[in-house]
Amino acid sequence: MLLVTQRLTELDETVLSQCGTLIALRITNKGDRGHVSAAIQDELHDMVALLSTLRTGEGLVMGEGIKIPSCIKFEKISKAPKSTDPKVSEEWRKERPGDKERDFEKTVDLWRNQKFS
């Protein structure tokens, strides 16, 4: 059986503890990481700290299905949707077009003054 979830804390701990092999992708929520930590062997607890540092497409595999707990990287699908994490530092450096900047300022002004045109 394969169990997939984005909300580990909503799973009963008994269910998670019955999973023989765990593949965990990036988990930034401290409560979710604690849920994973409670379900794995004591000697693997240090690996749970790595979950928040994983990049997109990386995961940790641990449990009965693998001899040594490992960090893995999934192959990207050739026809996958073109969605990635935004590169905020690059976007902030871009200049805003003049016309759109005026539209933005006008919209903010109307919003602040509660006027609609």
PDB file of N, CA and C in Angstrom:
ATOM      1  N   MET A   1       0.841  -1.162   0.000  1.00  0.00           N
ATOM      2  CA  MET A   1       0.000   0.000   0.000  1.00  0.00           C
ATOM      3  C   MET A   1       0.891   1.231   0.000  1.00  0.00           C
ATOM      4  N   LEU A   2       0.477   2.239  -0.719  1.00  0.00           N
ATOM      5  CA  LEU A   2       1.189   3.507  -0.786  1.00  0.00           C
ATOM      6  C   LEU A   2       0.328   4.564  -0.124  1.00  0.00           C
ATOM      7  N   LEU A   3       0.900   5.287   0.794  1.00  0.00           N
ATOM      8  CA  LEU A   3       0.193   6.344   1.509  1.00  0.00           C
ATOM      9  C   LEU A   3       0.897   7.655   1.200  1.00  0.00           C
ATOM     10  N   VAL A   4       0.164   8.614   0.642  1.00  0.00           N
ATOM     11  CA  VAL A   4       0.740   9.901   0.262  1.00  0.00           C
ATOM     12  C   VAL A   4      -0.068  11.001   0.949  1.00  0.00           C
ATOM     13  N   THR A   5       0.635  11.939   1.567  1.00  0.00           N
ATOM     14  CA  THR A   5      -0.046  13.046   2.225  1.00  0.00           C
ATOM     15  C   THR A   5       0.830  14.282   2.249  1.00  0.00           C
ATOM     16  N   GLN A   6       0.197  15.442   2.297  1.00  0.00           N
ATOM     17  CA  GLN A   6       0.917  16.694   2.500  1.00  0.00           C
ATOM     18  C   GLN A   6       0.721  17.192   3.926  1.00  0.00           C
ATOM     19  N   ARG A   7      -0.126  16.549   4.674  1.00  0.00           N
ATOM     20  CA  ARG A   7      -0.419  16.948   6.051  1.00  0.00           C
ATOM     21  C   ARG A   7      -0.185  15.773   6.985  1.00  0.00           C
ATOM     22  N   LEU A   8       1.046  15.555   7.368  1.00  0.00           N
ATOM     23  CA  LEU A   8       1.397  14.420   8.227  1.00  0.00           C
ATOM     24  C   LEU A   8       0.712  14.488   9.585  1.00  0.00           C
ATOM     25  N   THR A   9       0.545  15.678  10.133  1.00  0.00           N
ATOM     26  CA  THR A   9      -0.039  15.789  11.466  1.00  0.00           C
ATOM     27  C   THR A   9      -1.497  15.368  11.492  1.00  0.00           C
ATOM     28  N   GLU A  10      -2.133  15.273  10.328  1.00  0.00           N
ATOM     29  CA  GLU A  10      -3.519  14.821  10.284  1.00  0.00           C
ATOM     30  C   GLU A  10      -3.627  13.297  10.274  1.00  0.00           C
ATOM     31  N   LEU A  11      -2.489  12.619  10.111  1.00  0.00           N
ATOM     32  CA  LEU A  11      -2.477  11.151  10.153  1.00  0.00           C
ATOM     33  C   LEU A  11      -2.349  10.682  11.591  1.00  0.00           C
ATOM     34  N   ASP A  12      -3.010   9.610  11.903  1.00  0.00           N
ATOM     35  CA  ASP A  12      -2.845   8.983  13.206  1.00  0.00           C
ATOM     36  C   ASP A  12      -1.432   8.425  13.285  1.00  0.00           C
ATOM     37  N   GLU A  13      -0.770   8.594  14.422  1.00  0.00           N
ATOM     38  CA  GLU A  13       0.608   8.113  14.578  1.00  0.00           C
ATOM     39  C   GLU A  13       0.720   6.609  14.358  1.00  0.00           C
ATOM     40  N   THR A  14      -0.326   5.873  14.680  1.00  0.00           N
ATOM     41  CA  THR A  14      -0.316   4.420  14.477  1.00  0.00           C
ATOM     42  C   THR A  14      -0.212   4.090  12.992  1.00  0.00           C
ATOM     43  N   VAL A  15      -0.905   4.846  12.166  1.00  0.00           N
ATOM     44  CA  VAL A  15      -0.851   4.615  10.708  1.00  0.00           C
ATOM     45  C   VAL A  15       0.564   4.848  10.204  1.00  0.00           C
ATOM     46  N   LEU A  16       1.151   5.973  10.585  1.00  0.00           N
ATOM     47  CA  LEU A  16       2.497   6.298  10.119  1.00  0.00           C
ATOM     48  C   LEU A  16       3.530   5.302  10.635  1.00  0.00           C
ATOM     49  N   SER A  17       3.370   4.840  11.855  1.00  0.00           N
ATOM     50  CA  SER A  17       4.339   3.895  12.421  1.00  0.00           C
ATOM     51  C   SER A  17       4.265   2.526  11.740  1.00  0.00           C
ATOM     52  N   GLN A  18       3.173   2.217  11.057  1.00  0.00           N
ATOM     53  CA  GLN A  18       3.028   0.945  10.355  1.00  0.00           C
ATOM     54  C   GLN A  18       3.651   0.967   8.967  1.00  0.00           C
ATOM     55  N   CYS A  19       4.068   2.140   8.506  1.00  0.00           N
ATOM     56  CA  CYS A  19       4.719   2.232   7.195  1.00  0.00           C
ATOM     57  C   CYS A  19       6.132   1.673   7.319  1.00  0.00           C
ATOM     58  N   GLY A  20       6.460   0.676   6.514  1.00  0.00           N
ATOM     59  CA  GLY A  20       7.769   0.042   6.587  1.00  0.00           C
ATOM     60  C   GLY A  20       8.862   0.897   5.981  1.00  0.00           C
ATOM     61  N   THR A  21       8.534   1.611   4.918  1.00  0.00           N
ATOM     62  CA  THR A  21       9.509   2.456   4.240  1.00  0.00           C
ATOM     63  C   THR A  21       8.906   3.840   4.101  1.00  0.00           C
ATOM     64  N   LEU A  22       9.702   4.841   4.370  1.00  0.00           N
ATOM     65  CA  LEU A  22       9.233   6.214   4.332  1.00  0.00           C
ATOM     66  C   LEU A  22      10.045   6.987   3.309  1.00  0.00           C
ATOM     67  N   ILE A  23       9.358   7.641   2.390  1.00  0.00           N
ATOM     68  CA  ILE A  23       9.994   8.569   1.450  1.00  0.00           C
ATOM     69  C   ILE A  23       9.447   9.944   1.807  1.00  0.00           C
ATOM     70  N   ALA A  24      10.313  10.801   2.306  1.00  0.00           N
ATOM     71  CA  ALA A  24       9.882  12.126   2.742  1.00  0.00           C
ATOM     72  C   ALA A  24      10.557  13.188   1.891  1.00  0.00           C
ATOM     73  N   LEU A  25       9.755  14.078   1.336  1.00  0.00           N
ATOM     74  CA  LEU A  25      10.273  15.212   0.585  1.00  0.00           C
ATOM     75  C   LEU A  25      10.461  16.366   1.562  1.00  0.00           C
ATOM     76  N   ARG A  26      10.716  17.561   1.054  1.00  0.00           N
ATOM     77  CA  ARG A  26      10.966  18.710   1.932  1.00  0.00           C
ATOM     78  C   ARG A  26       9.790  18.936   2.878  1.00  0.00           C
ATOM     79  N   ILE A  27      10.091  19.015   4.161  1.00  0.00           N
ATOM     80  CA  ILE A  27       9.079  19.291   5.187  1.00  0.00           C
ATOM     81  C   ILE A  27       9.602  20.463   6.016  1.00  0.00           C
ATOM     82  N   THR A  28       8.944  21.602   5.916  1.00  0.00           N
ATOM     83  CA  THR A  28       9.394  22.775   6.657  1.00  0.00           C
ATOM     84  C   THR A  28       8.623  22.968   7.953  1.00  0.00           C
ATOM     85  N   ASN A  29       7.465  22.349   8.068  1.00  0.00           N
ATOM     86  CA  ASN A  29       6.648  22.486   9.267  1.00  0.00           C
ATOM     87  C   ASN A  29       7.226  21.648  10.395  1.00  0.00           C
ATOM     88  N   LYS A  30       7.521  22.296  11.525  1.00  0.00           N
ATOM     89  CA  LYS A  30       8.146  21.604  12.657  1.00  0.00           C
ATOM     90  C   LYS A  30       7.264  20.472  13.191  1.00  0.00           C
ATOM     91  N   GLY A  31       5.952  20.679  13.225  1.00  0.00           N
ATOM     92  CA  GLY A  31       5.040  19.643  13.707  1.00  0.00           C
ATOM     93  C   GLY A  31       5.055  18.409  12.824  1.00  0.00           C
ATOM     94  N   ASP A  32       5.101  18.618  11.494  1.00  0.00           N
ATOM     95  CA  ASP A  32       5.159  17.492  10.561  1.00  0.00           C
ATOM     96  C   ASP A  32       6.476  16.734  10.703  1.00  0.00           C
ATOM     97  N   ARG A  33       7.588  17.473  10.877  1.00  0.00           N
ATOM     98  CA  ARG A  33       8.889  16.803  11.073  1.00  0.00           C
ATOM     99  C   ARG A  33       8.879  15.988  12.368  1.00  0.00           C
ATOM    100  N   GLY A  34       8.247  16.507  13.399  1.00  0.00           N
ATOM    101  CA  GLY A  34       8.141  15.769  14.659  1.00  0.00           C
ATOM    102  C   GLY A  34       7.335  14.495  14.500  1.00  0.00           C
ATOM    103  N   HIS A  35       6.296  14.553  13.654  1.00  0.00           N
ATOM    104  CA  HIS A  35       5.465  13.378  13.382  1.00  0.00           C
ATOM    105  C   HIS A  35       6.302  12.291  12.698  1.00  0.00           C
ATOM    106  N   VAL A  36       7.145  12.711  11.743  1.00  0.00           N
ATOM    107  CA  VAL A  36       8.031  11.764  11.055  1.00  0.00           C
ATOM    108  C   VAL A  36       9.027  11.192  12.059  1.00  0.00           C
ATOM    109  N   SER A  37       9.595  12.036  12.873  1.00  0.00           N
ATOM    110  CA  SER A  37      10.590  11.605  13.860  1.00  0.00           C
ATOM    111  C   SER A  37      10.015  10.560  14.820  1.00  0.00           C
ATOM    112  N   ALA A  38       8.761  10.727  15.185  1.00  0.00           N
ATOM    113  CA  ALA A  38       8.120   9.783  16.109  1.00  0.00           C
ATOM    114  C   ALA A  38       7.881   8.418  15.456  1.00  0.00           C
ATOM    115  N   ALA A  39       7.845   8.383  14.128  1.00  0.00           N
ATOM    116  CA  ALA A  39       7.500   7.149  13.430  1.00  0.00           C
ATOM    117  C   ALA A  39       8.706   6.333  12.961  1.00  0.00           C
ATOM    118  N   ILE A  40       9.907   6.887  13.088  1.00  0.00           N
ATOM    119  CA  ILE A  40      11.075   6.174  12.571  1.00  0.00           C
ATOM    120  C   ILE A  40      11.951   5.666  13.708  1.00  0.00           C
ATOM    121  N   GLN A  41      12.935   4.849  13.339  1.00  0.00           N
ATOM    122  CA  GLN A  41      13.855   4.269  14.321  1.00  0.00           C
ATOM    123  C   GLN A  41      14.677   5.373  14.982  1.00  0.00           C
ATOM    124  N   ASP A  42      15.046   5.150  16.218  1.00  0.00           N
ATOM    125  CA  ASP A  42      15.781   6.158  16.993  1.00  0.00           C
ATOM    126  C   ASP A  42      17.068   6.621  16.312  1.00  0.00           C
ATOM    127  N   GLU A  43      17.777   5.709  15.683  1.00  0.00           N
ATOM    128  CA  GLU A  43      19.070   6.079  15.089  1.00  0.00           C
ATOM    129  C   GLU A  43      18.933   6.948  13.832  1.00  0.00           C
ATOM    130  N   LEU A  44      17.724   7.120  13.324  1.00  0.00           N
ATOM    131  CA  LEU A  44      17.513   7.932  12.124  1.00  0.00           C
ATOM    132  C   LEU A  44      17.011   9.341  12.431  1.00  0.00           C
ATOM    133  N   HIS A  45      16.867   9.693  13.695  1.00  0.00           N
ATOM    134  CA  HIS A  45      16.303  10.987  14.065  1.00  0.00           C
ATOM    135  C   HIS A  45      17.113  12.168  13.535  1.00  0.00           C
ATOM    136  N   ASP A  46      18.429  12.015  13.426  1.00  0.00           N
ATOM    137  CA  ASP A  46      19.256  13.104  12.905  1.00  0.00           C
ATOM    138  C   ASP A  46      18.919  13.426  11.452  1.00  0.00           C
ATOM    139  N   MET A  47      18.470  12.431  10.711  1.00  0.00           N
ATOM    140  CA  MET A  47      18.118  12.656   9.305  1.00  0.00           C
ATOM    141  C   MET A  47      16.872  13.524   9.160  1.00  0.00           C
ATOM    142  N   VAL A  48      16.002  13.490  10.129  1.00  0.00           N
ATOM    143  CA  VAL A  48      14.773  14.282  10.062  1.00  0.00           C
ATOM    144  C   VAL A  48      15.103  15.771  10.004  1.00  0.00           C
ATOM    145  N   ALA A  49      16.202  16.182  10.640  1.00  0.00           N
ATOM    146  CA  ALA A  49      16.620  17.582  10.615  1.00  0.00           C
ATOM    147  C   ALA A  49      16.947  18.045   9.197  1.00  0.00           C
ATOM    148  N   LEU A  50      17.309  17.113   8.317  1.00  0.00           N
ATOM    149  CA  LEU A  50      17.639  17.457   6.928  1.00  0.00           C
ATOM    150  C   LEU A  50      16.413  17.770   6.083  1.00  0.00           C
ATOM    151  N   LEU A  51      15.242  17.348   6.526  1.00  0.00           N
ATOM    152  CA  LEU A  51      14.040  17.487   5.700  1.00  0.00           C
ATOM    153  C   LEU A  51      13.725  18.930   5.306  1.00  0.00           C
ATOM    154  N   SER A  52      14.031  19.877   6.153  1.00  0.00           N
ATOM    155  CA  SER A  52      13.724  21.271   5.818  1.00  0.00           C
ATOM    156  C   SER A  52      14.728  21.867   4.839  1.00  0.00           C
ATOM    157  N   THR A  53      15.857  21.200   4.614  1.00  0.00           N
ATOM    158  CA  THR A  53      16.890  21.739   3.722  1.00  0.00           C
ATOM    159  C   THR A  53      16.855  21.129   2.325  1.00  0.00           C
ATOM    160  N   LEU A  54      15.971  20.180   2.095  1.00  0.00           N
ATOM    161  CA  LEU A  54      15.920  19.524   0.785  1.00  0.00           C
ATOM    162  C   LEU A  54      15.417  20.489  -0.280  1.00  0.00           C
ATOM    163  N   ARG A  55      15.888  20.304  -1.500  1.00  0.00           N
ATOM    164  CA  ARG A  55      15.429  21.109  -2.632  1.00  0.00           C
ATOM    165  C   ARG A  55      14.285  20.399  -3.337  1.00  0.00           C
ATOM    166  N   THR A  56      13.689  21.086  -4.281  1.00  0.00           N
ATOM    167  CA  THR A  56      12.612  20.498  -5.066  1.00  0.00           C
ATOM    168  C   THR A  56      13.132  19.261  -5.788  1.00  0.00           C
ATOM    169  N   GLY A  57      12.421  18.143  -5.654  1.00  0.00           N
ATOM    170  CA  GLY A  57      12.811  16.895  -6.304  1.00  0.00           C
ATOM    171  C   GLY A  57      13.711  16.008  -5.473  1.00  0.00           C
ATOM    172  N   GLU A  58      14.114  16.453  -4.293  1.00  0.00           N
ATOM    173  CA  GLU A  58      14.953  15.643  -3.425  1.00  0.00           C
ATOM    174  C   GLU A  58      14.115  15.032  -2.309  1.00  0.00           C
ATOM    175  N   GLY A  59      14.557  13.911  -1.799  1.00  0.00           N
ATOM    176  CA  GLY A  59      13.834  13.250  -0.726  1.00  0.00           C
ATOM    177  C   GLY A  59      14.741  12.345   0.086  1.00  0.00           C
ATOM    178  N   LEU A  60      14.271  11.974   1.236  1.00  0.00           N
ATOM    179  CA  LEU A  60      14.974  11.010   2.089  1.00  0.00           C
ATOM    180  C   LEU A  60      14.201   9.707   2.067  1.00  0.00           C
ATOM    181  N   VAL A  61      14.903   8.606   1.889  1.00  0.00           N
ATOM    182  CA  VAL A  61      14.293   7.285   1.919  1.00  0.00           C
ATOM    183  C   VAL A  61      14.896   6.540   3.099  1.00  0.00           C
ATOM    184  N   MET A  62      14.017   6.016   3.940  1.00  0.00           N
ATOM    185  CA  MET A  62      14.496   5.269   5.107  1.00  0.00           C
ATOM    186  C   MET A  62      13.486   4.196   5.461  1.00  0.00           C
ATOM    187  N   GLY A  63      13.987   3.131   6.045  1.00  0.00           N
ATOM    188  CA  GLY A  63      13.107   2.057   6.477  1.00  0.00           C
ATOM    189  C   GLY A  63      13.491   0.717   5.888  1.00  0.00           C
ATOM    190  N   GLU A  64      12.519  -0.197   5.893  1.00  0.00           N
ATOM    191  CA  GLU A  64      12.769  -1.587   5.495  1.00  0.00           C
ATOM    192  C   GLU A  64      13.088  -1.765   4.013  1.00  0.00           C
ATOM    193  N   GLY A  65      12.634  -0.860   3.167  1.00  0.00           N
ATOM    194  CA  GLY A  65      12.816  -1.022   1.725  1.00  0.00           C
ATOM    195  C   GLY A  65      14.179  -0.613   1.206  1.00  0.00           C
ATOM    196  N   ILE A  66      15.049  -0.146   2.083  1.00  0.00           N
ATOM    197  CA  ILE A  66      16.365   0.310   1.652  1.00  0.00           C
ATOM    198  C   ILE A  66      17.387  -0.068   2.730  1.00  0.00           C
ATOM    199  N   LYS A  67      18.559  -0.542   2.313  1.00  0.00           N
ATOM    200  CA  LYS A  67      19.567  -1.002   3.284  1.00  0.00           C
ATOM    201  C   LYS A  67      20.136   0.146   4.107  1.00  0.00           C
ATOM    202  N   ILE A  68      20.453   1.245   3.425  1.00  0.00           N
ATOM    203  CA  ILE A  68      21.047   2.402   4.100  1.00  0.00           C
ATOM    204  C   ILE A  68      20.140   3.606   3.842  1.00  0.00           C
ATOM    205  N   PRO A  69      19.731   4.319   4.879  1.00  0.00           N
ATOM    206  CA  PRO A  69      18.937   5.529   4.650  1.00  0.00           C
ATOM    207  C   PRO A  69      19.684   6.460   3.698  1.00  0.00           C
ATOM    208  N   SER A  70      18.981   6.982   2.708  1.00  0.00           N
ATOM    209  CA  SER A  70      19.654   7.740   1.659  1.00  0.00           C
ATOM    210  C   SER A  70      18.883   8.980   1.260  1.00  0.00           C
ATOM    211  N   CYS A  71      19.642   9.963   0.793  1.00  0.00           N
ATOM    212  CA  CYS A  71      19.050  11.149   0.177  1.00  0.00           C
ATOM    213  C   CYS A  71      19.020  10.863  -1.323  1.00  0.00           C
ATOM    214  N   ILE A  72      17.873  11.046  -1.937  1.00  0.00           N
ATOM    215  CA  ILE A  72      17.729  10.735  -3.356  1.00  0.00           C
ATOM    216  C   ILE A  72      17.248  11.966  -4.113  1.00  0.00           C
ATOM    217  N   LYS A  73      17.433  11.936  -5.406  1.00  0.00           N
ATOM    218  CA  LYS A  73      16.913  12.991  -6.268  1.00  0.00           C
ATOM    219  C   LYS A  73      16.087  12.322  -7.357  1.00  0.00           C
ATOM    220  N   PHE A  74      14.833  12.742  -7.479  1.00  0.00           N
ATOM    221  CA  PHE A  74      13.946  12.175  -8.473  1.00  0.00           C
ATOM    222  C   PHE A  74      14.258  12.760  -9.844  1.00  0.00           C
ATOM    223  N   GLU A  75      14.169  11.916 -10.884  1.00  0.00           N
ATOM    224  CA  GLU A  75      14.357  12.402 -12.243  1.00  0.00           C
ATOM    225  C   GLU A  75      13.178  13.280 -12.617  1.00  0.00           C
ATOM    226  N   LYS A  76      13.460  14.331 -13.367  1.00  0.00           N
ATOM    227  CA  LYS A  76      12.386  15.211 -13.802  1.00  0.00           C
ATOM    228  C   LYS A  76      11.685  14.593 -15.007  1.00  0.00           C
ATOM    229  N   ILE A  77      10.391  14.746 -15.050  1.00  0.00           N
ATOM    230  CA  ILE A  77       9.595  14.236 -16.163  1.00  0.00           C
ATOM    231  C   ILE A  77       9.826  15.147 -17.365  1.00  0.00           C
ATOM    232  N   SER A  78      10.001  14.551 -18.539  1.00  0.00           N
ATOM    233  CA  SER A  78      10.323  15.348 -19.722  1.00  0.00           C
ATOM    234  C   SER A  78       9.203  16.310 -20.108  1.00  0.00           C
ATOM    235  N   LYS A  79       7.960  15.937 -19.890  1.00  0.00           N
ATOM    236  CA  LYS A  79       6.843  16.812 -20.271  1.00  0.00           C
ATOM    237  C   LYS A  79       6.135  17.357 -19.028  1.00  0.00           C
ATOM    238  N   ALA A  80       6.916  17.641 -18.000  1.00  0.00           N
ATOM    239  CA  ALA A  80       6.353  18.152 -16.747  1.00  0.00           C
ATOM    240  C   ALA A  80       5.903  19.598 -16.926  1.00  0.00           C
ATOM    241  N   PRO A  81       4.931  20.043 -16.155  1.00  0.00           N
ATOM    242  CA  PRO A  81       4.525  21.448 -16.212  1.00  0.00           C
ATOM    243  C   PRO A  81       5.711  22.350 -15.884  1.00  0.00           C
ATOM    244  N   LYS A  82       5.742  23.499 -16.491  1.00  0.00           N
ATOM    245  CA  LYS A  82       6.851  24.437 -16.300  1.00  0.00           C
ATOM    246  C   LYS A  82       6.629  25.292 -15.059  1.00  0.00           C
ATOM    247  N   SER A  83       6.578  24.672 -13.901  1.00  0.00           N
ATOM    248  CA  SER A  83       6.406  25.416 -12.658  1.00  0.00           C
ATOM    249  C   SER A  83       7.615  25.177 -11.773  1.00  0.00           C
ATOM    250  N   THR A  84       8.217  26.243 -11.326  1.00  0.00           N
ATOM    251  CA  THR A  84       9.369  26.148 -10.447  1.00  0.00           C
ATOM    252  C   THR A  84       9.242  27.202  -9.359  1.00  0.00           C
ATOM    253  N   ASP A  85      10.105  27.110  -8.387  1.00  0.00           N
ATOM    254  CA  ASP A  85      10.138  28.144  -7.358  1.00  0.00           C
ATOM    255  C   ASP A  85      10.609  29.440  -8.004  1.00  0.00           C
ATOM    256  N   PRO A  86       9.984  30.574  -7.670  1.00  0.00           N
ATOM    257  CA  PRO A  86      10.412  31.840  -8.278  1.00  0.00           C
ATOM    258  C   PRO A  86      11.803  32.235  -7.787  1.00  0.00           C
ATOM    259  N   LYS A  87      12.546  32.898  -8.650  1.00  0.00           N
ATOM    260  CA  LYS A  87      13.860  33.416  -8.281  1.00  0.00           C
ATOM    261  C   LYS A  87      13.652  34.876  -7.879  1.00  0.00           C
ATOM    262  N   VAL A  88      13.303  35.059  -6.620  1.00  0.00           N
ATOM    263  CA  VAL A  88      12.890  36.357  -6.112  1.00  0.00           C
ATOM    264  C   VAL A  88      13.963  37.410  -6.314  1.00  0.00           C
ATOM    265  N   SER A  89      15.215  37.071  -6.054  1.00  0.00           N
ATOM    266  CA  SER A  89      16.289  38.061  -6.177  1.00  0.00           C
ATOM    267  C   SER A  89      16.391  38.601  -7.605  1.00  0.00           C
ATOM    268  N   GLU A  90      16.135  37.757  -8.598  1.00  0.00           N
ATOM    269  CA  GLU A  90      16.174  38.208  -9.990  1.00  0.00           C
ATOM    270  C   GLU A  90      14.964  39.067 -10.323  1.00  0.00           C
ATOM    271  N   GLU A  91      13.804  38.686  -9.830  1.00  0.00           N
ATOM    272  CA  GLU A  91      12.580  39.434 -10.125  1.00  0.00           C
ATOM    273  C   GLU A  91      12.619  40.838  -9.527  1.00  0.00           C
ATOM    274  N   TRP A  92      13.186  40.977  -8.329  1.00  0.00           N
ATOM    275  CA  TRP A  92      13.244  42.295  -7.692  1.00  0.00           C
ATOM    276  C   TRP A  92      14.153  43.243  -8.446  1.00  0.00           C
ATOM    277  N   ARG A  93      15.155  42.694  -9.133  1.00  0.00           N
ATOM    278  CA  ARG A  93      16.093  43.552  -9.869  1.00  0.00           C
ATOM    279  C   ARG A  93      15.518  44.086 -11.171  1.00  0.00           C
ATOM    280  N   LYS A  94      14.481  43.461 -11.699  1.00  0.00           N
ATOM    281  CA  LYS A  94      13.897  43.880 -12.969  1.00  0.00           C
ATOM    282  C   LYS A  94      13.210  45.233 -12.819  1.00  0.00           C
ATOM    283  N   GLU A  95      13.326  46.038 -13.863  1.00  0.00           N
ATOM    284  CA  GLU A  95      12.639  47.330 -13.855  1.00  0.00           C
ATOM    285  C   GLU A  95      11.183  47.122 -14.211  1.00  0.00           C
ATOM    286  N   ARG A  96      10.350  47.929 -13.570  1.00  0.00           N
ATOM    287  CA  ARG A  96       8.927  47.852 -13.889  1.00  0.00           C
ATOM    288  C   ARG A  96       8.650  48.735 -15.103  1.00  0.00           C
ATOM    289  N   PRO A  97       7.817  48.284 -16.019  1.00  0.00           N
ATOM    290  CA  PRO A  97       7.466  49.116 -17.170  1.00  0.00           C
ATOM    291  C   PRO A  97       6.737  50.375 -16.706  1.00  0.00           C
ATOM    292  N   GLY A  98       6.981  51.499 -17.384  1.00  0.00           N
ATOM    293  CA  GLY A  98       6.412  52.787 -16.994  1.00  0.00           C
ATOM    294  C   GLY A  98       4.894  52.811 -16.915  1.00  0.00           C
ATOM    295  N   ASP A  99       4.205  52.320 -17.947  1.00  0.00           N
ATOM    296  CA  ASP A  99       2.745  52.371 -17.955  1.00  0.00           C
ATOM    297  C   ASP A  99       2.150  51.544 -16.829  1.00  0.00           C
ATOM    298  N   LYS A 100       2.685  50.369 -16.624  1.00  0.00           N
ATOM    299  CA  LYS A 100       2.157  49.505 -15.572  1.00  0.00           C
ATOM    300  C   LYS A 100       2.434  50.099 -14.194  1.00  0.00           C
ATOM    301  N   GLU A 101       3.562  50.805 -14.055  1.00  0.00           N
ATOM    302  CA  GLU A 101       3.881  51.427 -12.769  1.00  0.00           C
ATOM    303  C   GLU A 101       2.838  52.484 -12.433  1.00  0.00           C
ATOM    304  N   ARG A 102       2.454  53.291 -13.427  1.00  0.00           N
ATOM    305  CA  ARG A 102       1.428  54.309 -13.194  1.00  0.00           C
ATOM    306  C   ARG A 102       0.097  53.646 -12.857  1.00  0.00           C
ATOM    307  N   ASP A 103      -0.246  52.574 -13.558  1.00  0.00           N
ATOM    308  CA  ASP A 103      -1.493  51.853 -13.261  1.00  0.00           C
ATOM    309  C   ASP A 103      -1.466  51.326 -11.834  1.00  0.00           C
ATOM    310  N   PHE A 104      -0.320  50.820 -11.420  1.00  0.00           N
ATOM    311  CA  PHE A 104      -0.180  50.286 -10.070  1.00  0.00           C
ATOM    312  C   PHE A 104      -0.374  51.397  -9.040  1.00  0.00           C
ATOM    313  N   GLU A 105       0.308  52.529  -9.253  1.00  0.00           N
ATOM    314  CA  GLU A 105       0.193  53.644  -8.318  1.00  0.00           C
ATOM    315  C   GLU A 105      -1.237  54.169  -8.258  1.00  0.00           C
ATOM    316  N   LYS A 106      -1.896  54.235  -9.404  1.00  0.00           N
ATOM    317  CA  LYS A 106      -3.292  54.694  -9.446  1.00  0.00           C
ATOM    318  C   LYS A 106      -4.191  53.722  -8.684  1.00  0.00           C
ATOM    319  N   THR A 107      -3.975  52.432  -8.874  1.00  0.00           N
ATOM    320  CA  THR A 107      -4.779  51.414  -8.187  1.00  0.00           C
ATOM    321  C   THR A 107      -4.594  51.505  -6.676  1.00  0.00           C
ATOM    322  N   VAL A 108      -3.359  51.653  -6.242  1.00  0.00           N
ATOM    323  CA  VAL A 108      -3.084  51.769  -4.808  1.00  0.00           C
ATOM    324  C   VAL A 108      -3.746  53.022  -4.248  1.00  0.00           C
ATOM    325  N   ASP A 109      -3.652  54.131  -4.971  1.00  0.00           N
ATOM    326  CA  ASP A 109      -4.268  55.377  -4.518  1.00  0.00           C
ATOM    327  C   ASP A 109      -5.784  55.221  -4.394  1.00  0.00           C
ATOM    328  N   LEU A 110      -6.425  54.627  -5.395  1.00  0.00           N
ATOM    329  CA  LEU A 110      -7.877  54.410  -5.338  1.00  0.00           C
ATOM    330  C   LEU A 110      -8.243  53.475  -4.195  1.00  0.00           C
ATOM    331  N   TRP A 111      -7.448  52.467  -3.995  1.00  0.00           N
ATOM    332  CA  TRP A 111      -7.713  51.497  -2.921  1.00  0.00           C
ATOM    333  C   TRP A 111      -7.601  52.165  -1.554  1.00  0.00           C
ATOM    334  N   ARG A 112      -6.553  52.946  -1.371  1.00  0.00           N
ATOM    335  CA  ARG A 112      -6.354  53.621  -0.079  1.00  0.00           C
ATOM    336  C   ARG A 112      -7.463  54.634   0.205  1.00  0.00           C
ATOM    337  N   ASN A 113      -7.955  55.278  -0.822  1.00  0.00           N
ATOM    338  CA  ASN A 113      -9.004  56.287  -0.638  1.00  0.00           C
ATOM    339  C   ASN A 113     -10.397  55.698  -0.778  1.00  0.00           C
ATOM    340  N   GLN A 114     -10.479  54.381  -0.953  1.00  0.00           N
ATOM    341  CA  GLN A 114     -11.765  53.677  -1.081  1.00  0.00           C
ATOM    342  C   GLN A 114     -12.622  54.270  -2.188  1.00  0.00           C
ATOM    343  N   LYS A 115     -12.006  54.585  -3.313  1.00  0.00           N
ATOM    344  CA  LYS A 115     -12.728  55.102  -4.489  1.00  0.00           C
ATOM    345  C   LYS A 115     -12.617  54.054  -5.604  1.00  0.00           C
ATOM    346  N   PHE A 116     -13.672  53.930  -6.353  1.00  0.00           N
ATOM    347  CA  PHE A 116     -13.666  52.980  -7.461  1.00  0.00           C
ATOM    348  C   PHE A 116     -14.024  53.737  -8.730  1.00  0.00           C
ATOM    349  N   SER A 117     -13.237  53.541  -9.772  1.00  0.00           N
ATOM    350  CA  SER A 117     -13.551  54.228 -11.038  1.00  0.00           C
ATOM    351  C   SER A 117     -13.584  53.229 -12.172  1.00  0.00           C
TER     352      SER A 117
END
